[in-house]
């Protein structure tokens, strides 16, 4: 579910060795051997798209209240959590918690609507909430599709590579969490290598481990070595993915991690993991009702642990094939769910997480492209604040793909440009150009075009827009081929961000001590 690792920083200023002649060489000179300058997190200047009117929202909210009060949510194998709910006024029957109407909403009044997610490089810190959108890479994949076209289990080297790529990608704002599962490291120890890799090989914000409470504690301890005890206790330096075990269950693992992070003032992303038709009703309204009930219960629990702890309204929603049971992506119904969930989150005053570049395709092909585009466009237009799985997702999340990561991060740059909206400054109005050119001429040589041509339109590092003949001369490369070349170039030109040697030494000492204290476990 959660963990990651990477190697060193970005060589933003280096030049590539060149992809060849013509358009390929121009692309290389534009993008350099490494990545371009890092983009700040998105501050959207476009309106959100909404699918529910007031009556629809009230129906969903009323139904969710009924679920909470009459059906209840199970908090399994956690006596402490059940006792906390009893003291808060809930009706606890066994492990089933029934919530009086309004209890969860009242508790959530202490949760912040916005907060800063601090990076070890303050220039990389981001805002979560409001009109901000933050992109993070794929999360949790046990397999990778590598640059040689092999599908295989992920390793620590892969983890480090993806952290490096996320660090170098201008339009990726966080290095993420468990980008892929490094299965060559024991299960009970890999979280240490993953969190260390985020710290060592990137200076963007990162996520902590949630696969056991003690692993969450280790994540906090490592963060405190970097940021200091007081800073961590009073600021947010990690987001942490807490999944509901849908339908309507929170298990011991997720509750344990949530308690650790909330107590230390670290953000929990409360996310029902929904495959509609299997883990929720087949209808959009029914799925939204269940999602809202689960989020209200889980998010308000963090406020029982520590009032004021940051928490996000999250959802991962996909449909399934009713013929095979396989998850499907880029389809209309999950988009409607995410649009509706975003509206419900805004009414609660909580930051929202959903979406990404999701697809079911096994390779970075046309299916992967259109499914990812359908999901990503919805993600932006919904007004999503934190976007997990924004780059590299393949095969329903089972595989993290190097080539698709490069294609996706290019698309994220387009989303960033789209979110800027329409420039209505004097320069944006371009009246000087219209006057200069007049009827019947062209704008290519006018002063306004000459002053703006380098930044006027988004310029893809991967798309080929040249003639068929030029494409043939340059080797008939598909976008996957160009992504492969660019990925290799980025990794070849990677340079690690600076890290205080004393902090690095302390991190490694802590990791060595923790690893020595427990035998290897592979399950």
Protein backbone atom coordinates (compact mmCIF):
# COMPACT_ATOMS: atom_id res chain seq x y z
CA UNK A 1 0.00 0.00 0.00
CA UNK A 2 2.73 2.50 0.82
CA UNK A 3 6.54 2.91 0.49
CA UNK A 4 9.27 4.30 -1.88
CA UNK A 5 12.99 4.96 -2.57
CA UNK A 6 15.16 7.07 -4.92
CA UNK A 7 18.72 8.26 -5.66
CA UNK A 8 20.05 11.82 -6.24
CA UNK A 9 18.79 15.28 -7.50
CA UNK A 10 18.16 16.84 -10.88
CA UNK A 11 20.68 18.09 -13.42
CA UNK A 12 18.42 20.87 -14.59
CA UNK A 13 21.13 22.83 -16.29
CA UNK A 14 22.85 20.08 -18.25
CA UNK A 15 22.59 19.47 -21.98
CA UNK A 16 21.64 16.16 -23.50
CA UNK A 17 24.04 14.35 -25.74
CA UNK A 18 21.41 14.83 -28.45
CA UNK A 19 18.71 12.55 -29.84
CA UNK A 20 19.75 13.06 -33.43
CA UNK A 21 19.12 15.67 -36.05
CA UNK A 22 16.19 17.94 -36.78
CA UNK A 23 13.22 17.89 -34.39
CA UNK A 24 14.90 15.43 -32.05
CA UNK A 25 17.93 17.67 -31.66
CA UNK A 26 15.69 20.67 -31.10
CA UNK A 27 13.79 18.77 -28.42
CA UNK A 28 17.07 17.90 -26.74
CA UNK A 29 18.25 21.50 -26.78
CA UNK A 30 14.89 22.63 -25.35
CA UNK A 31 14.74 20.18 -22.49
CA UNK A 32 18.40 19.62 -21.75
CA UNK A 33 19.85 16.29 -20.65
CA UNK A 34 18.06 16.69 -17.34
CA UNK A 35 14.75 18.29 -16.50
CA UNK A 36 13.67 21.87 -16.95
CA UNK A 37 13.14 24.35 -14.11
CA UNK A 38 10.77 23.09 -11.44
CA UNK A 39 7.25 24.51 -11.62
CA UNK A 40 5.59 25.71 -8.42
CA UNK A 41 2.46 23.91 -7.30
CA UNK A 42 -0.65 24.84 -9.27
CA UNK A 43 -2.81 27.73 -8.14
CA UNK A 44 -5.90 27.23 -10.28
CA UNK A 45 -7.41 30.27 -11.99
CA UNK A 46 -10.18 28.33 -13.71
CA UNK A 47 -13.56 27.45 -12.28
CA UNK A 48 -14.34 23.99 -10.94
CA UNK A 49 -16.85 21.79 -12.74
CA UNK A 50 -19.79 20.61 -10.63
CA UNK A 51 -22.31 17.86 -11.39
CA UNK A 52 -24.63 18.08 -8.35
CA UNK A 53 -27.04 20.89 -7.52
CA UNK A 54 -28.02 21.83 -3.97
CA UNK A 55 -30.83 19.30 -3.86
CA UNK A 56 -28.52 16.51 -5.03
CA UNK A 57 -25.88 17.36 -2.44
CA UNK A 58 -28.47 17.41 0.33
CA UNK A 59 -29.76 13.97 -0.72
CA UNK A 60 -26.24 12.48 -0.56
CA UNK A 61 -25.52 14.12 2.79
CA UNK A 62 -28.82 12.98 4.28
CA UNK A 63 -28.24 9.41 3.09
CA UNK A 64 -24.70 9.40 4.48
CA UNK A 65 -26.02 10.54 7.86
CA UNK A 66 -28.46 7.64 7.76
CA UNK A 67 -25.63 5.19 7.02
CA UNK A 68 -23.59 6.54 9.93
CA UNK A 69 -26.46 6.46 12.41
CA UNK A 70 -28.39 3.35 11.42
CA UNK A 71 -25.87 1.04 9.72
CA UNK A 72 -22.61 2.23 11.28
CA UNK A 73 -18.93 1.87 10.48
CA UNK A 74 -16.71 -0.88 11.85
CA UNK A 75 -13.44 -0.02 13.61
CA UNK A 76 -11.83 -3.45 13.77
CA UNK A 77 -9.30 -4.80 16.26
CA UNK A 78 -8.66 -1.44 17.92
CA UNK A 79 -10.04 -1.19 21.46
CA UNK A 80 -8.52 2.27 21.92
CA UNK A 81 -10.40 3.64 18.90
CA UNK A 82 -13.68 2.16 20.11
CA UNK A 83 -13.17 3.64 23.57
CA UNK A 84 -12.46 7.06 22.05
CA UNK A 85 -15.74 6.90 20.14
CA UNK A 86 -17.69 5.89 23.27
CA UNK A 87 -16.31 8.88 25.13
CA UNK A 88 -17.19 11.13 22.18
CA UNK A 89 -20.85 10.08 22.40
CA UNK A 90 -21.11 7.41 19.70
CA UNK A 91 -23.10 4.21 20.20
CA UNK A 92 -20.56 1.36 20.06
CA UNK A 93 -21.91 -2.16 19.62
CA UNK A 94 -19.07 -4.64 19.42
CA UNK A 95 -16.80 -3.19 16.75
CA UNK A 96 -19.64 -1.34 15.01
CA UNK A 97 -19.81 2.39 15.72
CA UNK A 98 -23.11 4.24 15.22
CA UNK A 99 -22.78 8.02 15.02
CA UNK A 100 -25.44 10.45 16.26
CA UNK A 101 -26.41 12.89 13.54
CA UNK A 102 -23.96 15.79 13.37
CA UNK A 103 -21.24 14.25 15.58
CA UNK A 104 -18.68 13.73 12.80
CA UNK A 105 -19.29 17.15 11.27
CA UNK A 106 -18.92 18.81 14.65
CA UNK A 107 -15.58 17.09 15.23
CA UNK A 108 -14.35 18.13 11.78
CA UNK A 109 -14.76 21.81 12.61
CA UNK A 110 -11.24 21.71 14.08
CA UNK A 111 -9.65 20.34 10.87
CA UNK A 112 -7.85 22.98 8.76
CA UNK A 113 -9.25 23.80 5.33
CA UNK A 114 -5.72 24.56 4.06
CA UNK A 115 -2.20 23.91 5.28
CA UNK A 116 1.41 23.96 4.09
CA UNK A 117 3.13 20.68 3.28
CA UNK A 118 6.74 21.47 4.05
CA UNK A 119 9.65 20.17 2.00
CA UNK A 120 13.22 20.02 3.28
CA UNK A 121 13.92 22.63 0.61
CA UNK A 122 11.52 25.43 1.60
CA UNK A 123 11.27 26.54 -2.03
CA UNK A 124 9.59 23.19 -2.79
CA UNK A 125 6.94 23.45 -0.06
CA UNK A 126 3.33 23.35 -1.31
CA UNK A 127 -0.13 24.38 -0.14
CA UNK A 128 -2.83 21.74 0.27
CA UNK A 129 -6.38 23.04 -0.05
CA UNK A 130 -8.09 26.07 -1.55
CA UNK A 131 -7.29 26.58 -5.22
CA UNK A 132 -4.02 24.64 -5.04
CA UNK A 133 -3.31 21.42 -6.96
CA UNK A 134 -0.30 19.23 -6.16
CA UNK A 135 0.80 16.33 -8.37
CA UNK A 136 2.50 13.20 -6.96
CA UNK A 137 3.58 10.03 -8.81
CA UNK A 138 2.16 6.51 -8.90
CA UNK A 139 1.91 4.72 -5.55
CA UNK A 140 2.07 1.09 -4.40
CA UNK A 141 2.93 -0.86 -7.58
CA UNK A 142 4.56 -4.26 -6.96
CA UNK A 143 5.77 -4.48 -10.58
CA UNK A 144 7.64 -2.17 -12.92
CA UNK A 145 7.78 -2.01 -16.69
CA UNK A 146 11.40 -1.11 -17.22
CA UNK A 147 13.31 0.66 -19.99
CA UNK A 148 14.14 -2.66 -21.64
CA UNK A 149 10.45 -3.55 -21.99
CA UNK A 150 10.41 -6.10 -19.18
CA UNK A 151 7.57 -6.47 -16.66
CA UNK A 152 9.18 -7.60 -13.41
CA UNK A 153 9.03 -7.14 -9.66
CA UNK A 154 10.20 -3.74 -8.48
CA UNK A 155 13.53 -3.31 -6.69
CA UNK A 156 15.05 -0.65 -4.47
CA UNK A 157 16.96 0.63 -7.50
CA UNK A 158 13.64 1.15 -9.31
CA UNK A 159 12.26 2.97 -6.30
CA UNK A 160 15.26 5.28 -6.27
CA UNK A 161 14.96 5.86 -9.99
CA UNK A 162 11.33 6.91 -9.72
CA UNK A 163 12.12 9.26 -6.83
CA UNK A 164 14.85 10.80 -8.98
CA UNK A 165 12.47 11.19 -11.91
CA UNK A 166 9.80 12.77 -9.69
CA UNK A 167 12.43 15.15 -8.34
CA UNK A 168 13.51 16.08 -11.86
CA UNK A 169 10.04 16.37 -13.39
CA UNK A 170 9.15 20.08 -13.45
CA UNK A 171 5.39 19.49 -13.13
CA UNK A 172 5.54 16.89 -10.34
CA UNK A 173 5.40 18.68 -7.00
CA UNK A 174 5.99 15.77 -4.59
CA UNK A 175 8.22 12.70 -4.77
CA UNK A 176 5.25 10.70 -3.45
CA UNK A 177 5.24 7.72 -1.12
CA UNK A 178 5.43 4.03 -2.03
CA UNK A 179 6.08 4.75 -5.68
CA UNK A 180 6.73 1.04 -6.17
CA UNK A 181 7.31 -1.82 -3.73
CA UNK A 182 11.04 -2.73 -3.52
CA UNK A 183 10.49 -6.46 -3.07
CA UNK A 184 14.22 -7.16 -2.80
CA UNK A 185 14.13 -5.59 0.69
CA UNK A 186 12.44 -7.38 3.64
CA UNK A 187 8.85 -6.23 4.16
CA UNK A 188 9.48 -5.08 7.72
CA UNK A 189 12.52 -2.99 6.74
CA UNK A 190 11.81 -1.58 3.29
CA UNK A 191 9.92 1.45 4.67
CA UNK A 192 13.22 2.69 6.14
CA UNK A 193 14.92 2.57 2.73
CA UNK A 194 11.94 4.18 1.05
CA UNK A 195 11.62 7.15 3.38
CA UNK A 196 15.39 7.62 3.34
CA UNK A 197 15.38 7.60 -0.46
CA UNK A 198 12.77 10.38 -0.54
CA UNK A 199 14.92 12.46 1.79
CA UNK A 200 18.26 11.68 0.14
CA UNK A 201 17.41 11.81 -3.55
CA UNK A 202 14.77 14.54 -3.62
CA UNK A 203 14.03 17.72 -1.72
CA UNK A 204 10.34 17.81 -2.61
CA UNK A 205 7.63 16.92 -0.07
CA UNK A 206 7.23 13.19 0.61
CA UNK A 207 4.82 10.70 2.17
CA UNK A 208 5.30 8.33 5.10
CA UNK A 209 4.76 4.60 5.56
CA UNK A 210 1.36 3.31 6.71
CA UNK A 211 1.78 -0.48 6.57
CA UNK A 212 2.14 -0.77 10.36
CA UNK A 213 2.02 1.70 13.28
CA UNK A 214 5.69 1.12 14.10
CA UNK A 215 6.60 1.94 10.48
CA UNK A 216 4.65 5.16 10.79
CA UNK A 217 6.63 5.90 13.97
CA UNK A 218 9.87 5.26 12.07
CA UNK A 219 8.73 7.68 9.35
CA UNK A 220 8.08 10.37 11.94
CA UNK A 221 11.44 9.72 13.60
CA UNK A 222 13.28 10.08 10.28
CA UNK A 223 11.38 13.27 9.52
CA UNK A 224 12.35 14.68 12.91
CA UNK A 225 16.03 14.07 12.15
CA UNK A 226 15.60 16.24 9.05
CA UNK A 227 13.23 18.94 10.30
CA UNK A 228 13.64 18.85 14.08
CA UNK A 229 11.23 17.62 16.78
CA UNK A 230 9.41 20.88 17.41
CA UNK A 231 8.98 21.68 13.73
CA UNK A 232 7.40 18.30 13.00
CA UNK A 233 5.05 18.53 15.97
CA UNK A 234 3.81 21.95 14.89
CA UNK A 235 3.94 21.67 11.09
CA UNK A 236 3.07 19.14 8.40
CA UNK A 237 6.01 17.49 6.66
CA UNK A 238 4.29 14.26 5.52
CA UNK A 239 1.02 13.25 3.89
CA UNK A 240 -0.04 9.69 4.63
CA UNK A 241 -2.54 7.51 2.81
CA UNK A 242 -5.17 5.98 5.10
CA UNK A 243 -7.51 3.74 3.10
CA UNK A 244 -10.92 2.66 4.29
CA UNK A 245 -11.41 -1.08 3.82
CA UNK A 246 -14.59 -0.49 1.87
CA UNK A 247 -17.39 -1.14 2.42
CA UNK A 248 -17.60 0.64 5.77
CA UNK A 249 -14.61 -0.83 7.63
CA UNK A 250 -11.42 0.64 9.07
CA UNK A 251 -8.91 -2.03 10.05
CA UNK A 252 -6.25 -2.16 12.74
CA UNK A 253 -3.37 -1.31 10.38
CA UNK A 254 -4.93 1.84 8.99
CA UNK A 255 -6.23 2.99 12.38
CA UNK A 256 -2.84 2.44 13.95
CA UNK A 257 -1.05 4.49 11.30
CA UNK A 258 -3.71 7.21 11.44
CA UNK A 259 -3.28 7.56 15.20
CA UNK A 260 0.50 7.87 14.91
CA UNK A 261 0.38 10.54 12.24
CA UNK A 262 -2.48 12.55 13.72
CA UNK A 263 -0.79 12.61 17.13
CA UNK A 264 2.30 14.07 15.51
CA UNK A 265 0.28 16.63 13.48
CA UNK A 266 0.98 14.91 10.17
CA UNK A 267 -1.70 14.85 7.49
CA UNK A 268 -3.90 11.82 6.88
CA UNK A 269 -5.49 11.34 3.47
CA UNK A 270 -8.69 9.46 4.37
CA UNK A 271 -9.47 7.60 1.15
CA UNK A 272 -12.16 5.00 0.60
CA UNK A 273 -10.74 2.66 -2.05
CA UNK A 274 -13.76 1.99 -4.24
CA UNK A 275 -14.32 -0.38 -7.14
CA UNK A 276 -17.99 0.38 -7.77
CA UNK A 277 -20.11 -2.71 -8.10
CA UNK A 278 -17.83 -4.70 -5.80
CA UNK A 279 -16.99 -2.36 -2.92
CA UNK A 280 -19.87 0.09 -3.31
CA UNK A 281 -23.22 0.17 -5.11
CA UNK A 282 -23.19 0.29 -8.91
CA UNK A 283 -24.77 3.76 -8.95
CA UNK A 284 -23.01 7.11 -8.67
CA UNK A 285 -25.32 8.37 -5.91
CA UNK A 286 -24.98 5.18 -3.88
CA UNK A 287 -21.20 5.24 -4.18
CA UNK A 288 -21.06 8.90 -3.16
CA UNK A 289 -23.21 8.17 -0.12
CA UNK A 290 -20.88 5.42 1.04
CA UNK A 291 -17.75 7.48 0.35
CA UNK A 292 -19.07 10.41 2.36
CA UNK A 293 -20.03 8.19 5.29
CA UNK A 294 -16.61 6.51 5.34
CA UNK A 295 -14.72 9.79 5.08
CA UNK A 296 -16.81 11.46 7.78
CA UNK A 297 -16.09 8.58 10.18
CA UNK A 298 -12.38 8.28 9.39
CA UNK A 299 -11.57 11.98 9.09
CA UNK A 300 -13.40 12.89 12.30
CA UNK A 301 -11.50 10.11 14.09
CA UNK A 302 -8.25 12.01 13.43
CA UNK A 303 -9.77 14.97 15.29
CA UNK A 304 -10.50 12.72 18.27
CA UNK A 305 -6.82 11.82 18.26
CA UNK A 306 -5.62 15.42 17.95
CA UNK A 307 -7.97 18.33 17.25
CA UNK A 308 -6.55 20.45 14.46
CA UNK A 309 -4.53 17.65 12.84
CA UNK A 310 -4.67 18.10 9.04
CA UNK A 311 -6.85 15.62 7.16
CA UNK A 312 -7.93 15.31 3.52
CA UNK A 313 -11.19 14.06 2.06
CA UNK A 314 -9.89 11.41 -0.30
CA UNK A 315 -11.36 8.92 -2.68
CA UNK A 316 -10.09 6.44 -5.21
CA UNK A 317 -13.03 5.52 -7.41
CA UNK A 318 -13.06 3.13 -10.35
CA UNK A 319 -15.71 0.99 -11.97
CA UNK A 320 -15.46 -2.71 -12.75
CA UNK A 321 -16.33 -4.80 -15.74
CA UNK A 322 -19.57 -6.52 -14.80
CA UNK A 323 -18.53 -9.35 -17.12
CA UNK A 324 -15.03 -10.08 -15.74
CA UNK A 325 -14.84 -8.16 -12.46
CA UNK A 326 -11.67 -6.37 -13.63
CA UNK A 327 -11.28 -2.67 -12.75
CA UNK A 328 -11.85 -0.18 -15.55
CA UNK A 329 -10.54 3.36 -15.85
CA UNK A 330 -11.30 6.53 -17.78
CA UNK A 331 -15.01 5.72 -17.76
CA UNK A 332 -17.82 8.24 -17.13
CA UNK A 333 -19.20 6.96 -13.83
CA UNK A 334 -16.02 7.30 -11.72
CA UNK A 335 -15.58 10.79 -13.15
CA UNK A 336 -19.06 11.71 -11.91
CA UNK A 337 -18.19 10.21 -8.52
CA UNK A 338 -15.02 12.29 -8.26
CA UNK A 339 -16.76 15.51 -9.35
CA UNK A 340 -19.46 14.91 -6.74
CA UNK A 341 -16.98 13.96 -4.01
CA UNK A 342 -15.04 17.18 -4.65
CA UNK A 343 -18.23 19.17 -4.07
CA UNK A 344 -18.90 17.29 -0.83
CA UNK A 345 -15.34 17.94 0.35
CA UNK A 346 -15.66 21.67 -0.28
CA UNK A 347 -18.91 21.72 1.73
CA UNK A 348 -17.06 20.08 4.62
CA UNK A 349 -14.18 22.55 4.32
CA UNK A 350 -11.61 19.78 3.75
CA UNK A 351 -8.88 19.54 1.10
CA UNK A 352 -9.68 16.95 -1.57
CA UNK A 353 -7.72 14.08 -3.11
CA UNK A 354 -8.67 11.98 -6.15
CA UNK A 355 -7.69 11.09 -9.70
CA UNK A 356 -4.37 10.87 -11.48
CA UNK A 357 -3.31 9.34 -14.81
CA UNK A 358 -5.16 6.05 -14.40
CA UNK A 359 -5.49 3.30 -16.98
CA UNK A 360 -5.94 -0.45 -17.29
CA UNK A 361 -3.62 -0.85 -20.29
CA UNK A 362 -0.61 -3.15 -19.98
CA UNK A 363 1.68 -0.92 -22.08
CA UNK A 364 1.86 2.85 -22.71
CA UNK A 365 -0.37 2.69 -25.77
CA UNK A 366 -3.44 4.53 -27.09
CA UNK A 367 -5.68 2.90 -24.48
CA UNK A 368 -3.35 4.10 -21.74
CA UNK A 369 -3.36 7.59 -23.24
CA UNK A 370 -7.10 8.08 -23.58
CA UNK A 371 -7.97 6.49 -20.23
CA UNK A 372 -5.32 8.58 -18.47
CA UNK A 373 -6.40 11.76 -20.25
CA UNK A 374 -10.05 11.19 -19.31
CA UNK A 375 -9.07 10.78 -15.66
CA UNK A 376 -6.54 13.59 -15.56
CA UNK A 377 -8.77 16.21 -17.13
CA UNK A 378 -11.53 15.36 -14.67
CA UNK A 379 -9.03 15.57 -11.82
CA UNK A 380 -8.07 19.13 -12.68
CA UNK A 381 -11.58 20.35 -13.44
CA UNK A 382 -12.95 18.85 -10.21
CA UNK A 383 -10.67 21.16 -8.24
CA UNK A 384 -8.57 18.37 -6.72
CA UNK A 385 -5.98 19.55 -4.21
CA UNK A 386 -3.75 16.46 -3.97
CA UNK A 387 -3.35 14.12 -6.94
CA UNK A 388 -1.77 10.75 -6.28
CA UNK A 389 -0.92 8.46 -9.25
CA UNK A 390 -0.37 11.51 -11.47
CA UNK A 391 2.52 9.88 -13.37
CA UNK A 392 3.68 6.34 -14.12
CA UNK A 393 0.50 4.34 -13.43
CA UNK A 394 -0.02 1.31 -15.68
CA UNK A 395 -2.02 -1.93 -15.58
CA UNK A 396 -4.57 -0.80 -13.01
CA UNK A 397 -1.77 0.26 -10.69
CA UNK A 398 -0.02 -3.11 -10.65
CA UNK A 399 2.93 -1.69 -12.58
CA UNK A 400 4.93 1.52 -12.44
CA UNK A 401 6.16 2.26 -15.96
CA UNK A 402 9.23 4.38 -16.74
CA UNK A 403 8.07 5.39 -20.21
CA UNK A 404 4.55 6.22 -19.08
CA UNK A 405 5.97 8.30 -16.23
CA UNK A 406 7.74 10.47 -18.80
CA UNK A 407 4.64 10.75 -21.00
CA UNK A 408 2.44 11.55 -18.01
CA UNK A 409 4.72 14.21 -16.56
CA UNK A 410 4.64 15.93 -19.95
CA UNK A 411 0.83 15.94 -19.77
CA UNK A 412 0.98 17.34 -16.23
CA UNK A 413 2.80 20.35 -17.64
CA UNK A 414 -0.14 20.89 -19.99
CA UNK A 415 -2.54 20.71 -17.04
CA UNK A 416 -0.44 23.32 -15.27
CA UNK A 417 -0.73 25.66 -18.25
CA UNK A 418 -4.47 24.99 -18.55
CA UNK A 419 -5.00 25.83 -14.87
CA UNK A 420 -3.51 29.29 -15.41
CA UNK A 421 -6.65 30.29 -17.27
CA UNK A 422 -6.93 33.24 -19.67
CA UNK A 423 -4.34 36.02 -19.48
CA UNK A 424 -6.23 39.33 -19.52
CA UNK A 425 -3.26 41.58 -18.90
CA UNK A 426 -2.42 44.21 -21.52
CA UNK A 427 0.06 41.78 -23.07
CA UNK A 428 -2.54 38.99 -22.99
CA UNK A 429 -5.12 41.12 -24.76
CA UNK A 430 -2.63 41.56 -27.64
CA UNK A 431 -4.24 44.71 -29.02
CA UNK A 432 -0.83 46.00 -30.10
CA UNK A 433 -0.43 42.93 -32.33
CA UNK A 434 -3.88 43.29 -33.85
CA UNK A 435 -3.20 46.98 -34.64
CA UNK A 436 0.23 46.27 -36.09
CA UNK A 437 -0.85 43.43 -38.39
CA UNK A 438 -4.21 44.68 -39.61
CA UNK A 439 -6.33 42.89 -42.22
CA UNK A 440 -4.88 40.29 -44.56
CA UNK A 441 -1.34 39.97 -43.16
CA UNK A 442 0.10 37.46 -40.66
CA UNK A 443 1.34 37.64 -37.08
CA UNK A 444 4.57 35.64 -37.37
CA UNK A 445 6.86 38.63 -37.62
CA UNK A 446 5.05 41.19 -35.50
CA UNK A 447 6.64 42.61 -32.37
CA UNK A 448 4.17 40.99 -29.98
CA UNK A 449 4.76 37.51 -31.45
CA UNK A 450 8.53 37.99 -31.39
CA UNK A 451 8.35 39.00 -27.73
CA UNK A 452 6.16 36.06 -26.70
CA UNK A 453 6.89 33.15 -29.03
CA UNK A 454 9.08 31.22 -26.60
CA UNK A 455 6.39 31.04 -23.91
CA UNK A 456 3.19 31.51 -25.92
CA UNK A 457 2.21 27.82 -26.10
CA UNK A 458 3.02 24.72 -24.08
CA UNK A 459 5.97 23.00 -25.76
CA UNK A 460 6.04 19.25 -25.32
CA UNK A 461 9.39 17.55 -24.91
CA UNK A 462 7.94 14.34 -26.35
CA UNK A 463 5.32 15.08 -29.00
CA UNK A 464 6.42 14.94 -32.65
CA UNK A 465 4.69 17.65 -34.69
CA UNK A 466 6.90 17.55 -37.76
CA UNK A 467 6.40 16.24 -41.28
CA UNK A 468 6.08 12.56 -42.09
CA UNK A 469 9.37 12.77 -44.01
CA UNK A 470 11.22 14.26 -41.05
CA UNK A 471 9.73 11.61 -38.75
CA UNK A 472 10.98 8.90 -41.14
CA UNK A 473 14.48 10.42 -41.29
CA UNK A 474 14.67 10.46 -37.51
CA UNK A 475 13.88 6.76 -37.17
CA UNK A 476 10.06 6.52 -37.13
CA UNK A 477 10.07 6.77 -33.35
CA UNK A 478 6.83 6.38 -31.44
CA UNK A 479 6.23 8.46 -28.33
CA UNK A 480 7.20 5.49 -26.15
CA UNK A 481 10.59 5.41 -27.87
CA UNK A 482 11.12 9.11 -27.32
CA UNK A 483 10.03 8.74 -23.67
CA UNK A 484 12.53 5.92 -23.22
CA UNK A 485 15.36 8.07 -24.61
CA UNK A 486 14.41 11.06 -22.47
CA UNK A 487 14.11 8.92 -19.33
CA UNK A 488 17.57 7.45 -19.82
CA UNK A 489 18.93 10.96 -20.38
CA UNK A 490 17.34 12.27 -17.18
CA UNK A 491 18.73 9.40 -15.10
CA UNK A 492 22.17 9.77 -16.70
CA UNK A 493 22.21 13.48 -15.87
CA UNK A 494 20.69 13.26 -12.40
CA UNK A 495 22.41 15.23 -9.64
CA UNK A 496 21.38 14.85 -6.02
CA UNK A 497 20.09 17.85 -4.07
CA UNK A 498 22.34 18.95 -1.24
CA UNK A 499 21.81 17.21 2.11
CA UNK A 500 23.65 18.18 5.30
CA UNK A 501 26.22 15.36 5.88
CA UNK A 502 25.45 15.36 9.60
CA UNK A 503 21.75 14.80 8.90
CA UNK A 504 22.56 12.08 6.39
CA UNK A 505 24.80 10.36 8.93
CA UNK A 506 22.10 10.54 11.60
CA UNK A 507 19.49 9.10 9.21
CA UNK A 508 21.74 6.18 8.28
CA UNK A 509 22.58 5.51 11.94
CA UNK A 510 18.88 5.41 12.87
CA UNK A 511 18.13 3.07 9.97
CA UNK A 512 21.01 0.74 10.86
CA UNK A 513 19.90 0.62 14.49
CA UNK A 514 16.31 -0.18 13.56
CA UNK A 515 17.29 -2.86 11.04
CA UNK A 516 19.64 -4.52 13.51
CA UNK A 517 16.86 -4.65 16.10
CA UNK A 518 14.62 -7.01 14.06
CA UNK A 519 15.05 -10.12 11.93
CA UNK A 520 14.15 -10.00 8.26
CA UNK A 521 10.52 -10.72 7.44
CA UNK A 522 9.18 -11.20 3.92
CA UNK A 523 5.47 -11.25 4.69
